[in-house]
């Protein structure tokens, strides 16, 4: 079992704040080196899976919806669901999404839970 001590928690919090304040790359060599040297499990993960991709998205309603749709499904499946929904509405905007009924959301392959979360 992994335990998160206060020092590691502070390190993660600091990395998040640096990203928010400076809009620096999420994945950077300095933080990776610090993390992998702090605990063996992180080194194991890096060796086994490599460095994670540097996914950055614009701050927008579309990005938020994509993140919601990607939860607990493959990226390919989420992309297909997003495309179906995007093709259904005139413009991918909050006003258009709010107009959709539960039946329309289901027809666009959006689960009941995600259909509740996206307009919220």
N, C-alpha and C. Protein backbone atom coordinates (compact mmCIF):
# COMPACT_ATOMS: atom_id res chain seq x y z
N UNK A 1 0.84 -1.19 0.00
CA UNK A 1 0.00 0.00 0.00
C UNK A 1 0.88 1.25 0.00
N UNK A 2 0.53 2.22 -0.84
CA UNK A 2 1.28 3.46 -0.88
C UNK A 2 0.68 4.43 0.11
N UNK A 3 1.58 5.14 0.78
CA UNK A 3 1.12 6.18 1.69
C UNK A 3 1.58 7.52 1.16
N UNK A 4 0.76 8.51 1.33
CA UNK A 4 1.11 9.86 0.88
C UNK A 4 1.49 10.67 2.11
N UNK A 5 2.79 10.88 2.30
CA UNK A 5 3.18 11.70 3.45
C UNK A 5 3.05 13.18 3.08
N UNK A 6 3.14 14.01 4.09
CA UNK A 6 2.91 15.44 3.90
C UNK A 6 3.91 16.06 2.92
N UNK A 7 5.16 15.63 2.96
CA UNK A 7 6.19 16.18 2.07
C UNK A 7 5.84 15.93 0.60
N UNK A 8 5.42 14.70 0.28
CA UNK A 8 5.06 14.38 -1.10
C UNK A 8 3.80 15.14 -1.52
N UNK A 9 2.86 15.28 -0.60
CA UNK A 9 1.64 16.01 -0.89
C UNK A 9 1.96 17.47 -1.21
N UNK A 10 2.84 18.07 -0.42
CA UNK A 10 3.24 19.45 -0.64
C UNK A 10 3.92 19.58 -2.00
N UNK A 11 4.77 18.61 -2.36
CA UNK A 11 5.45 18.63 -3.66
C UNK A 11 4.42 18.66 -4.79
N UNK A 12 3.41 17.81 -4.71
CA UNK A 12 2.38 17.75 -5.75
C UNK A 12 1.60 19.06 -5.79
N UNK A 13 1.24 19.58 -4.62
CA UNK A 13 0.53 20.86 -4.56
C UNK A 13 1.35 21.98 -5.20
N UNK A 14 2.66 22.00 -4.90
CA UNK A 14 3.54 23.03 -5.47
C UNK A 14 3.61 22.90 -6.99
N UNK A 15 3.69 21.68 -7.50
CA UNK A 15 3.75 21.46 -8.96
C UNK A 15 2.47 21.96 -9.61
N UNK A 16 1.34 21.69 -8.98
CA UNK A 16 0.06 22.15 -9.53
C UNK A 16 0.01 23.68 -9.54
N UNK A 17 0.44 24.30 -8.46
CA UNK A 17 0.42 25.76 -8.40
C UNK A 17 1.36 26.37 -9.43
N UNK A 18 2.54 25.77 -9.63
CA UNK A 18 3.47 26.28 -10.64
C UNK A 18 2.81 26.21 -12.02
N UNK A 19 2.13 25.12 -12.27
CA UNK A 19 1.46 24.99 -13.57
C UNK A 19 0.38 26.05 -13.72
N UNK A 20 -0.44 26.20 -12.71
CA UNK A 20 -1.54 27.18 -12.81
C UNK A 20 -1.01 28.59 -12.95
N UNK A 21 0.05 28.91 -12.21
CA UNK A 21 0.58 30.27 -12.23
C UNK A 21 1.41 30.56 -13.47
N UNK A 22 2.18 29.60 -13.93
CA UNK A 22 3.11 29.85 -15.03
C UNK A 22 2.69 29.23 -16.35
N UNK A 23 1.67 28.39 -16.32
CA UNK A 23 1.24 27.68 -17.52
C UNK A 23 2.42 26.93 -18.15
N UNK A 24 3.29 26.39 -17.26
CA UNK A 24 4.43 25.63 -17.76
C UNK A 24 3.95 24.25 -18.21
N UNK A 25 4.84 23.55 -18.89
CA UNK A 25 4.50 22.19 -19.31
C UNK A 25 4.11 21.36 -18.10
N UNK A 26 3.09 20.54 -18.25
CA UNK A 26 2.67 19.67 -17.17
C UNK A 26 3.76 18.64 -16.88
N UNK A 27 4.31 18.07 -17.92
CA UNK A 27 5.34 17.05 -17.79
C UNK A 27 6.68 17.71 -18.07
N UNK A 28 7.53 17.80 -17.04
CA UNK A 28 8.85 18.39 -17.25
C UNK A 28 9.91 17.54 -16.56
N UNK A 29 11.11 17.60 -17.09
CA UNK A 29 12.20 16.74 -16.62
C UNK A 29 12.51 16.92 -15.14
N UNK A 30 12.49 18.16 -14.67
CA UNK A 30 12.82 18.43 -13.27
C UNK A 30 11.85 17.74 -12.31
N UNK A 31 10.56 17.89 -12.57
CA UNK A 31 9.56 17.26 -11.69
C UNK A 31 9.58 15.75 -11.80
N UNK A 32 9.81 15.23 -12.99
CA UNK A 32 9.88 13.78 -13.16
C UNK A 32 11.05 13.21 -12.37
N UNK A 33 12.19 13.86 -12.46
CA UNK A 33 13.39 13.41 -11.73
C UNK A 33 13.14 13.44 -10.22
N UNK A 34 12.53 14.52 -9.75
CA UNK A 34 12.25 14.67 -8.32
C UNK A 34 11.26 13.58 -7.85
N UNK A 35 10.24 13.34 -8.63
CA UNK A 35 9.23 12.36 -8.27
C UNK A 35 9.78 10.93 -8.30
N UNK A 36 10.52 10.58 -9.35
CA UNK A 36 11.04 9.22 -9.45
C UNK A 36 12.12 8.93 -8.42
N UNK A 37 12.81 9.95 -7.96
CA UNK A 37 13.82 9.72 -6.92
C UNK A 37 13.21 9.71 -5.52
N UNK A 38 11.99 10.20 -5.39
CA UNK A 38 11.36 10.28 -4.07
C UNK A 38 10.76 8.95 -3.61
N UNK A 39 10.40 8.09 -4.55
CA UNK A 39 9.78 6.83 -4.17
C UNK A 39 9.96 5.82 -5.30
N UNK A 40 10.24 4.59 -4.94
CA UNK A 40 10.52 3.55 -5.94
C UNK A 40 9.35 3.28 -6.89
N UNK A 41 8.13 3.41 -6.40
CA UNK A 41 6.97 3.08 -7.23
C UNK A 41 6.89 4.01 -8.44
N UNK A 42 7.25 5.28 -8.26
CA UNK A 42 7.20 6.22 -9.38
C UNK A 42 8.26 5.90 -10.41
N UNK A 43 9.41 5.47 -9.93
CA UNK A 43 10.48 5.06 -10.85
C UNK A 43 10.04 3.82 -11.63
N UNK A 44 9.41 2.88 -10.95
CA UNK A 44 8.91 1.66 -11.59
C UNK A 44 7.88 2.02 -12.68
N UNK A 45 6.97 2.90 -12.35
CA UNK A 45 5.92 3.31 -13.31
C UNK A 45 6.55 3.97 -14.53
N UNK A 46 7.49 4.86 -14.29
CA UNK A 46 8.16 5.55 -15.41
C UNK A 46 8.91 4.55 -16.29
N UNK A 47 9.62 3.61 -15.66
CA UNK A 47 10.37 2.61 -16.44
C UNK A 47 9.44 1.71 -17.23
N UNK A 48 8.31 1.35 -16.63
CA UNK A 48 7.39 0.43 -17.30
C UNK A 48 6.57 1.11 -18.39
N UNK A 49 6.08 2.32 -18.15
CA UNK A 49 5.15 2.97 -19.07
C UNK A 49 5.72 4.19 -19.79
N UNK A 50 6.86 4.66 -19.36
CA UNK A 50 7.44 5.84 -19.97
C UNK A 50 6.86 7.12 -19.39
N UNK A 51 7.33 8.23 -19.92
CA UNK A 51 6.87 9.53 -19.47
C UNK A 51 5.49 9.79 -20.07
N UNK A 52 4.54 10.27 -19.27
CA UNK A 52 3.20 10.50 -19.82
C UNK A 52 3.21 11.61 -20.86
N UNK A 53 2.25 11.56 -21.78
CA UNK A 53 2.16 12.63 -22.78
C UNK A 53 1.84 13.96 -22.10
N UNK A 54 2.21 15.01 -22.73
CA UNK A 54 1.98 16.35 -22.20
C UNK A 54 0.66 16.89 -22.76
N UNK A 55 -0.44 16.39 -22.22
CA UNK A 55 -1.75 16.80 -22.71
C UNK A 55 -2.11 18.16 -22.15
N UNK A 56 -2.31 19.08 -23.03
CA UNK A 56 -2.79 20.39 -22.63
C UNK A 56 -3.98 20.74 -23.51
N UNK A 57 -4.95 21.34 -22.91
CA UNK A 57 -6.15 21.73 -23.64
C UNK A 57 -6.46 23.19 -23.35
N UNK A 58 -7.10 23.83 -24.29
CA UNK A 58 -7.53 25.20 -23.99
C UNK A 58 -8.59 25.18 -22.90
N UNK A 59 -8.66 26.24 -22.13
CA UNK A 59 -9.68 26.34 -21.09
C UNK A 59 -10.99 26.73 -21.77
N UNK A 60 -11.87 25.74 -21.95
CA UNK A 60 -13.12 26.01 -22.66
C UNK A 60 -14.19 25.00 -22.26
N UNK A 61 -15.40 25.31 -22.64
CA UNK A 61 -16.52 24.40 -22.40
C UNK A 61 -16.31 23.09 -23.15
N UNK A 62 -15.79 23.16 -24.37
CA UNK A 62 -15.53 21.96 -25.16
C UNK A 62 -14.53 21.06 -24.44
N UNK A 63 -13.45 21.63 -23.92
CA UNK A 63 -12.44 20.85 -23.21
C UNK A 63 -13.04 20.18 -21.98
N UNK A 64 -13.84 20.92 -21.23
CA UNK A 64 -14.48 20.37 -20.04
C UNK A 64 -15.38 19.19 -20.41
N UNK A 65 -16.17 19.34 -21.47
CA UNK A 65 -17.06 18.26 -21.91
C UNK A 65 -16.26 17.03 -22.35
N UNK A 66 -15.17 17.26 -23.06
CA UNK A 66 -14.33 16.14 -23.49
C UNK A 66 -13.78 15.38 -22.28
N UNK A 67 -13.34 16.11 -21.27
CA UNK A 67 -12.81 15.47 -20.05
C UNK A 67 -13.89 14.64 -19.39
N UNK A 68 -15.09 15.17 -19.29
CA UNK A 68 -16.20 14.42 -18.69
C UNK A 68 -16.50 13.17 -19.50
N UNK A 69 -16.55 13.30 -20.82
CA UNK A 69 -16.85 12.15 -21.67
C UNK A 69 -15.76 11.08 -21.62
N UNK A 70 -14.53 11.47 -21.32
CA UNK A 70 -13.41 10.52 -21.28
C UNK A 70 -13.35 9.70 -20.00
N UNK A 71 -14.15 10.06 -19.01
CA UNK A 71 -14.11 9.34 -17.75
C UNK A 71 -14.65 7.93 -17.91
N UNK A 72 -13.85 6.95 -17.51
CA UNK A 72 -14.21 5.54 -17.44
C UNK A 72 -14.54 4.89 -18.78
N UNK A 73 -14.07 5.49 -19.88
CA UNK A 73 -14.20 4.86 -21.20
C UNK A 73 -12.88 5.07 -21.95
N UNK A 74 -12.70 4.36 -23.03
CA UNK A 74 -11.49 4.56 -23.83
C UNK A 74 -11.54 5.92 -24.49
N UNK A 75 -10.38 6.44 -24.85
CA UNK A 75 -10.33 7.74 -25.53
C UNK A 75 -11.03 7.67 -26.88
N UNK A 76 -10.93 6.53 -27.56
CA UNK A 76 -11.59 6.36 -28.85
C UNK A 76 -13.12 6.42 -28.69
N UNK A 77 -13.61 5.77 -27.67
CA UNK A 77 -15.05 5.78 -27.40
C UNK A 77 -15.52 7.19 -27.04
N UNK A 78 -14.76 7.88 -26.20
CA UNK A 78 -15.11 9.25 -25.82
C UNK A 78 -15.11 10.17 -27.03
N UNK A 79 -14.14 9.97 -27.92
CA UNK A 79 -14.07 10.79 -29.14
C UNK A 79 -15.30 10.55 -30.02
N UNK A 80 -15.71 9.29 -30.14
CA UNK A 80 -16.90 8.96 -30.94
C UNK A 80 -18.14 9.60 -30.33
N UNK A 81 -18.28 9.56 -29.00
CA UNK A 81 -19.43 10.15 -28.34
C UNK A 81 -19.43 11.67 -28.51
N UNK A 82 -18.25 12.28 -28.38
CA UNK A 82 -18.16 13.72 -28.56
C UNK A 82 -18.55 14.10 -29.99
N UNK A 83 -18.03 13.36 -30.97
CA UNK A 83 -18.33 13.67 -32.37
C UNK A 83 -19.83 13.54 -32.66
N UNK A 84 -20.45 12.51 -32.11
CA UNK A 84 -21.90 12.33 -32.30
C UNK A 84 -22.66 13.52 -31.72
N UNK A 85 -22.31 13.91 -30.52
CA UNK A 85 -22.96 15.05 -29.87
C UNK A 85 -22.67 16.34 -30.63
N UNK A 86 -21.43 16.54 -31.03
CA UNK A 86 -21.04 17.75 -31.75
C UNK A 86 -21.76 17.87 -33.09
N UNK A 87 -21.96 16.75 -33.77
CA UNK A 87 -22.67 16.77 -35.05
C UNK A 87 -24.17 16.99 -34.87
N UNK A 88 -24.68 16.71 -33.70
CA UNK A 88 -26.11 16.83 -33.43
C UNK A 88 -26.53 18.28 -33.17
N UNK A 89 -25.66 19.04 -32.50
CA UNK A 89 -26.01 20.42 -32.14
C UNK A 89 -25.50 21.40 -33.20
N UNK A 90 -26.17 22.56 -33.29
CA UNK A 90 -25.75 23.58 -34.25
C UNK A 90 -24.34 24.05 -33.94
N UNK A 91 -24.12 24.36 -32.66
CA UNK A 91 -22.83 24.86 -32.18
C UNK A 91 -22.58 24.21 -30.83
N UNK A 92 -21.34 23.78 -30.58
CA UNK A 92 -21.05 23.15 -29.30
C UNK A 92 -20.85 24.25 -28.26
N UNK A 93 -21.96 24.65 -27.67
CA UNK A 93 -21.97 25.73 -26.69
C UNK A 93 -22.93 25.35 -25.56
N UNK A 94 -22.71 25.89 -24.37
CA UNK A 94 -23.58 25.54 -23.24
C UNK A 94 -25.06 25.74 -23.54
N UNK A 95 -25.39 26.83 -24.25
CA UNK A 95 -26.80 27.11 -24.54
C UNK A 95 -27.43 26.00 -25.37
N UNK A 96 -26.68 25.48 -26.32
CA UNK A 96 -27.20 24.41 -27.18
C UNK A 96 -27.32 23.09 -26.42
N UNK A 97 -26.35 22.79 -25.57
CA UNK A 97 -26.38 21.55 -24.79
C UNK A 97 -27.56 21.57 -23.82
N UNK A 98 -27.83 22.74 -23.22
CA UNK A 98 -28.93 22.85 -22.26
C UNK A 98 -30.29 22.61 -22.92
N UNK A 99 -30.40 22.81 -24.21
CA UNK A 99 -31.67 22.61 -24.92
C UNK A 99 -31.99 21.13 -25.14
N UNK A 100 -30.97 20.26 -25.04
CA UNK A 100 -31.17 18.85 -25.37
C UNK A 100 -31.97 18.13 -24.30
N UNK A 101 -32.85 17.25 -24.73
CA UNK A 101 -33.62 16.42 -23.80
C UNK A 101 -32.79 15.20 -23.42
N UNK A 102 -33.25 14.47 -22.43
CA UNK A 102 -32.58 13.22 -22.03
C UNK A 102 -32.53 12.25 -23.20
N UNK A 103 -33.62 12.19 -23.95
CA UNK A 103 -33.68 11.27 -25.10
C UNK A 103 -32.66 11.66 -26.17
N UNK A 104 -32.51 12.95 -26.41
CA UNK A 104 -31.53 13.41 -27.39
C UNK A 104 -30.10 13.10 -26.93
N UNK A 105 -29.84 13.28 -25.64
CA UNK A 105 -28.51 12.96 -25.11
C UNK A 105 -28.24 11.46 -25.27
N UNK A 106 -29.21 10.64 -24.95
CA UNK A 106 -29.04 9.18 -25.12
C UNK A 106 -28.83 8.83 -26.59
N UNK A 107 -29.54 9.49 -27.47
CA UNK A 107 -29.37 9.25 -28.91
C UNK A 107 -27.96 9.62 -29.38
N UNK A 108 -27.33 10.53 -28.64
CA UNK A 108 -25.94 10.94 -28.96
C UNK A 108 -24.92 10.09 -28.20
N UNK A 109 -25.37 9.00 -27.61
CA UNK A 109 -24.51 8.04 -26.90
C UNK A 109 -23.94 8.59 -25.59
N UNK A 110 -24.64 9.53 -24.99
CA UNK A 110 -24.19 10.12 -23.72
C UNK A 110 -24.93 9.41 -22.59
N UNK A 111 -24.18 8.86 -21.65
CA UNK A 111 -24.79 8.13 -20.53
C UNK A 111 -25.64 9.07 -19.67
N UNK A 112 -26.53 8.49 -18.91
CA UNK A 112 -27.42 9.28 -18.06
C UNK A 112 -26.62 10.16 -17.10
N UNK A 113 -25.59 9.58 -16.46
CA UNK A 113 -24.79 10.34 -15.50
C UNK A 113 -24.05 11.50 -16.19
N UNK A 114 -23.49 11.24 -17.34
CA UNK A 114 -22.75 12.29 -18.06
C UNK A 114 -23.73 13.34 -18.61
N UNK A 115 -24.93 12.92 -18.97
CA UNK A 115 -25.96 13.85 -19.44
C UNK A 115 -26.39 14.79 -18.32
N UNK A 116 -26.25 14.34 -17.08
CA UNK A 116 -26.56 15.20 -15.93
C UNK A 116 -25.36 16.11 -15.63
N UNK A 117 -24.15 15.57 -15.73
CA UNK A 117 -22.94 16.31 -15.36
C UNK A 117 -22.60 17.41 -16.37
N UNK A 118 -22.70 17.14 -17.65
CA UNK A 118 -22.28 18.12 -18.66
C UNK A 118 -23.05 19.43 -18.55
N UNK A 119 -24.38 19.42 -18.49
CA UNK A 119 -25.09 20.71 -18.38
C UNK A 119 -24.93 21.38 -17.02
N UNK A 120 -24.54 20.63 -16.01
CA UNK A 120 -24.41 21.22 -14.67
C UNK A 120 -23.28 22.22 -14.66
